[in-house]
Amino acid sequence: MISDLLFDCDLLLSDSTYFPGRCADIMFQNRSIGKLGVLHPDVITAFDLKLPCAALELNLQALQ
């Protein structure tokens, strides 16, 4: 059941896609299954976005 799933987040310091200090690895059973964070201004500009954005990357296969 979904209520049995426990997740944790660890601060991620080395991903240039995200704003420094505003990104975390999503951890499940002591392994990274994704990332969550605020996009770096260079990424926002490269994709011609007008407002600050956050992104979530999640590997759903890791939950099987």
N, C-alpha and C. Protein backbone atom coordinates (compact mmCIF):
# COMPACT_ATOMS: atom_id res chain seq x y z
N MET A 1 0.82 -1.18 0.00
CA MET A 1 0.00 0.00 0.00
C MET A 1 0.87 1.25 0.00
N ILE A 2 0.33 2.32 -0.55
CA ILE A 2 1.09 3.58 -0.61
C ILE A 2 1.42 4.09 0.79
N SER A 3 0.59 3.79 1.77
CA SER A 3 0.86 4.26 3.13
C SER A 3 2.07 3.57 3.73
N ASP A 4 2.51 2.45 3.17
CA ASP A 4 3.69 1.73 3.65
C ASP A 4 4.99 2.28 3.08
N LEU A 5 4.91 3.17 2.09
CA LEU A 5 6.09 3.72 1.46
C LEU A 5 6.64 4.87 2.30
N LEU A 6 7.94 4.84 2.56
CA LEU A 6 8.61 5.91 3.28
C LEU A 6 9.64 6.54 2.37
N PHE A 7 9.59 7.85 2.24
CA PHE A 7 10.51 8.58 1.38
C PHE A 7 11.33 9.53 2.23
N ASP A 8 12.51 9.90 1.73
CA ASP A 8 13.38 10.86 2.39
C ASP A 8 13.99 11.73 1.30
N CYS A 9 14.45 12.91 1.67
CA CYS A 9 15.12 13.79 0.72
C CYS A 9 16.49 14.18 1.26
N ASP A 10 17.49 14.15 0.40
CA ASP A 10 18.85 14.57 0.74
C ASP A 10 19.24 15.74 -0.15
N LEU A 11 19.81 16.78 0.44
CA LEU A 11 20.25 17.95 -0.31
C LEU A 11 21.26 17.52 -1.37
N LEU A 12 21.06 17.99 -2.59
CA LEU A 12 21.93 17.68 -3.72
C LEU A 12 22.68 18.95 -4.09
N LEU A 13 24.00 18.89 -4.14
CA LEU A 13 24.80 20.09 -4.35
C LEU A 13 25.41 20.21 -5.74
N SER A 14 25.38 19.18 -6.54
CA SER A 14 26.20 19.19 -7.75
C SER A 14 25.43 19.05 -9.06
N ASP A 15 24.19 19.50 -9.12
CA ASP A 15 23.44 19.40 -10.37
C ASP A 15 23.19 20.81 -10.91
N SER A 16 23.82 21.14 -12.03
CA SER A 16 23.74 22.49 -12.58
C SER A 16 22.37 22.82 -13.17
N THR A 17 21.49 21.85 -13.28
CA THR A 17 20.14 22.09 -13.77
C THR A 17 19.33 22.90 -12.75
N TYR A 18 19.70 22.75 -11.49
CA TYR A 18 18.93 23.34 -10.41
C TYR A 18 19.68 24.51 -9.76
N PHE A 19 18.92 25.39 -9.13
CA PHE A 19 19.48 26.52 -8.39
C PHE A 19 20.29 25.96 -7.22
N PRO A 20 21.50 26.49 -6.99
CA PRO A 20 22.34 25.96 -5.91
C PRO A 20 21.63 25.97 -4.55
N GLY A 21 21.68 24.85 -3.87
CA GLY A 21 21.07 24.73 -2.56
C GLY A 21 19.57 24.53 -2.56
N ARG A 22 18.98 24.41 -3.74
CA ARG A 22 17.52 24.25 -3.83
C ARG A 22 17.14 23.02 -4.63
N CYS A 23 17.87 21.96 -4.40
CA CYS A 23 17.61 20.69 -5.07
C CYS A 23 17.86 19.55 -4.09
N ALA A 24 17.07 18.50 -4.22
CA ALA A 24 17.23 17.35 -3.34
C ALA A 24 17.05 16.06 -4.13
N ASP A 25 17.78 15.03 -3.70
CA ASP A 25 17.55 13.68 -4.19
C ASP A 25 16.36 13.12 -3.42
N ILE A 26 15.46 12.44 -4.10
CA ILE A 26 14.36 11.75 -3.44
C ILE A 26 14.83 10.32 -3.21
N MET A 27 14.83 9.92 -1.96
CA MET A 27 15.37 8.62 -1.57
C MET A 27 14.25 7.66 -1.20
N PHE A 28 14.41 6.40 -1.62
CA PHE A 28 13.49 5.33 -1.25
C PHE A 28 14.32 4.08 -1.02
N GLN A 29 14.19 3.50 0.13
CA GLN A 29 14.95 2.31 0.50
C GLN A 29 16.45 2.53 0.27
N ASN A 30 16.94 3.68 0.74
CA ASN A 30 18.36 4.04 0.69
C ASN A 30 18.94 4.18 -0.71
N ARG A 31 18.12 4.47 -1.71
CA ARG A 31 18.63 4.73 -3.06
C ARG A 31 17.87 5.90 -3.67
N SER A 32 18.55 6.61 -4.53
CA SER A 32 17.95 7.76 -5.20
C SER A 32 16.99 7.30 -6.28
N ILE A 33 15.75 7.81 -6.22
CA ILE A 33 14.76 7.47 -7.25
C ILE A 33 14.29 8.71 -8.00
N GLY A 34 14.89 9.87 -7.69
CA GLY A 34 14.50 11.07 -8.40
C GLY A 34 15.10 12.32 -7.80
N LYS A 35 14.69 13.47 -8.36
CA LYS A 35 15.17 14.78 -7.92
C LYS A 35 14.01 15.75 -7.88
N LEU A 36 14.14 16.74 -7.02
CA LEU A 36 13.15 17.79 -6.89
C LEU A 36 13.89 19.09 -6.62
N GLY A 37 13.54 20.16 -7.34
CA GLY A 37 14.21 21.41 -7.06
C GLY A 37 13.76 22.56 -7.93
N VAL A 38 14.31 23.73 -7.62
CA VAL A 38 14.05 24.95 -8.36
C VAL A 38 15.04 25.02 -9.52
N LEU A 39 14.55 25.23 -10.73
CA LEU A 39 15.43 25.27 -11.90
C LEU A 39 16.37 26.48 -11.85
N HIS A 40 17.59 26.27 -12.33
CA HIS A 40 18.59 27.34 -12.39
C HIS A 40 18.13 28.39 -13.41
N PRO A 41 18.42 29.67 -13.15
CA PRO A 41 18.03 30.73 -14.10
C PRO A 41 18.53 30.49 -15.53
N ASP A 42 19.70 29.89 -15.71
CA ASP A 42 20.19 29.60 -17.05
C ASP A 42 19.29 28.60 -17.78
N VAL A 43 18.76 27.63 -17.05
CA VAL A 43 17.84 26.64 -17.64
C VAL A 43 16.52 27.32 -18.00
N ILE A 44 16.03 28.17 -17.12
CA ILE A 44 14.79 28.90 -17.39
C ILE A 44 14.93 29.75 -18.65
N THR A 45 16.06 30.43 -18.79
CA THR A 45 16.32 31.25 -19.97
C THR A 45 16.45 30.39 -21.23
N ALA A 46 17.15 29.27 -21.13
CA ALA A 46 17.36 28.40 -22.29
C ALA A 46 16.05 27.86 -22.86
N PHE A 47 15.08 27.66 -21.99
CA PHE A 47 13.78 27.15 -22.44
C PHE A 47 12.75 28.26 -22.63
N ASP A 48 13.21 29.50 -22.57
CA ASP A 48 12.38 30.68 -22.79
C ASP A 48 11.16 30.70 -21.87
N LEU A 49 11.38 30.30 -20.62
CA LEU A 49 10.32 30.36 -19.62
C LEU A 49 10.30 31.75 -19.02
N LYS A 50 9.14 32.21 -18.61
CA LYS A 50 8.99 33.59 -18.14
C LYS A 50 9.03 33.72 -16.63
N LEU A 51 8.76 32.65 -15.91
CA LEU A 51 8.70 32.69 -14.45
C LEU A 51 9.60 31.62 -13.85
N PRO A 52 10.02 31.80 -12.61
CA PRO A 52 10.78 30.74 -11.94
C PRO A 52 9.95 29.45 -11.91
N CYS A 53 10.63 28.32 -12.04
CA CYS A 53 9.95 27.03 -12.12
C CYS A 53 10.65 26.01 -11.23
N ALA A 54 9.88 25.05 -10.79
CA ALA A 54 10.42 23.90 -10.08
C ALA A 54 10.20 22.67 -10.96
N ALA A 55 11.00 21.64 -10.71
CA ALA A 55 10.88 20.41 -11.50
C ALA A 55 10.95 19.20 -10.58
N LEU A 56 10.28 18.16 -11.00
CA LEU A 56 10.28 16.89 -10.28
C LEU A 56 10.61 15.80 -11.30
N GLU A 57 11.59 15.00 -10.98
CA GLU A 57 11.95 13.84 -11.79
C GLU A 57 11.81 12.63 -10.89
N LEU A 58 11.01 11.65 -11.29
CA LEU A 58 10.76 10.49 -10.45
C LEU A 58 10.78 9.23 -11.30
N ASN A 59 11.57 8.24 -10.88
CA ASN A 59 11.65 6.96 -11.56
C ASN A 59 10.62 6.02 -10.91
N LEU A 60 9.45 5.91 -11.53
CA LEU A 60 8.38 5.09 -10.96
C LEU A 60 8.70 3.61 -10.98
N GLN A 61 9.53 3.16 -11.90
CA GLN A 61 9.92 1.76 -11.95
C GLN A 61 10.67 1.34 -10.69
N ALA A 62 11.33 2.29 -10.05
CA ALA A 62 12.08 1.99 -8.83
C ALA A 62 11.16 1.63 -7.66
N LEU A 63 9.87 1.92 -7.79
CA LEU A 63 8.92 1.64 -6.72
C LEU A 63 8.30 0.25 -6.81
N GLN A 64 8.60 -0.47 -7.87
CA GLN A 64 8.02 -1.80 -8.04
C GLN A 64 8.65 -2.80 -7.11
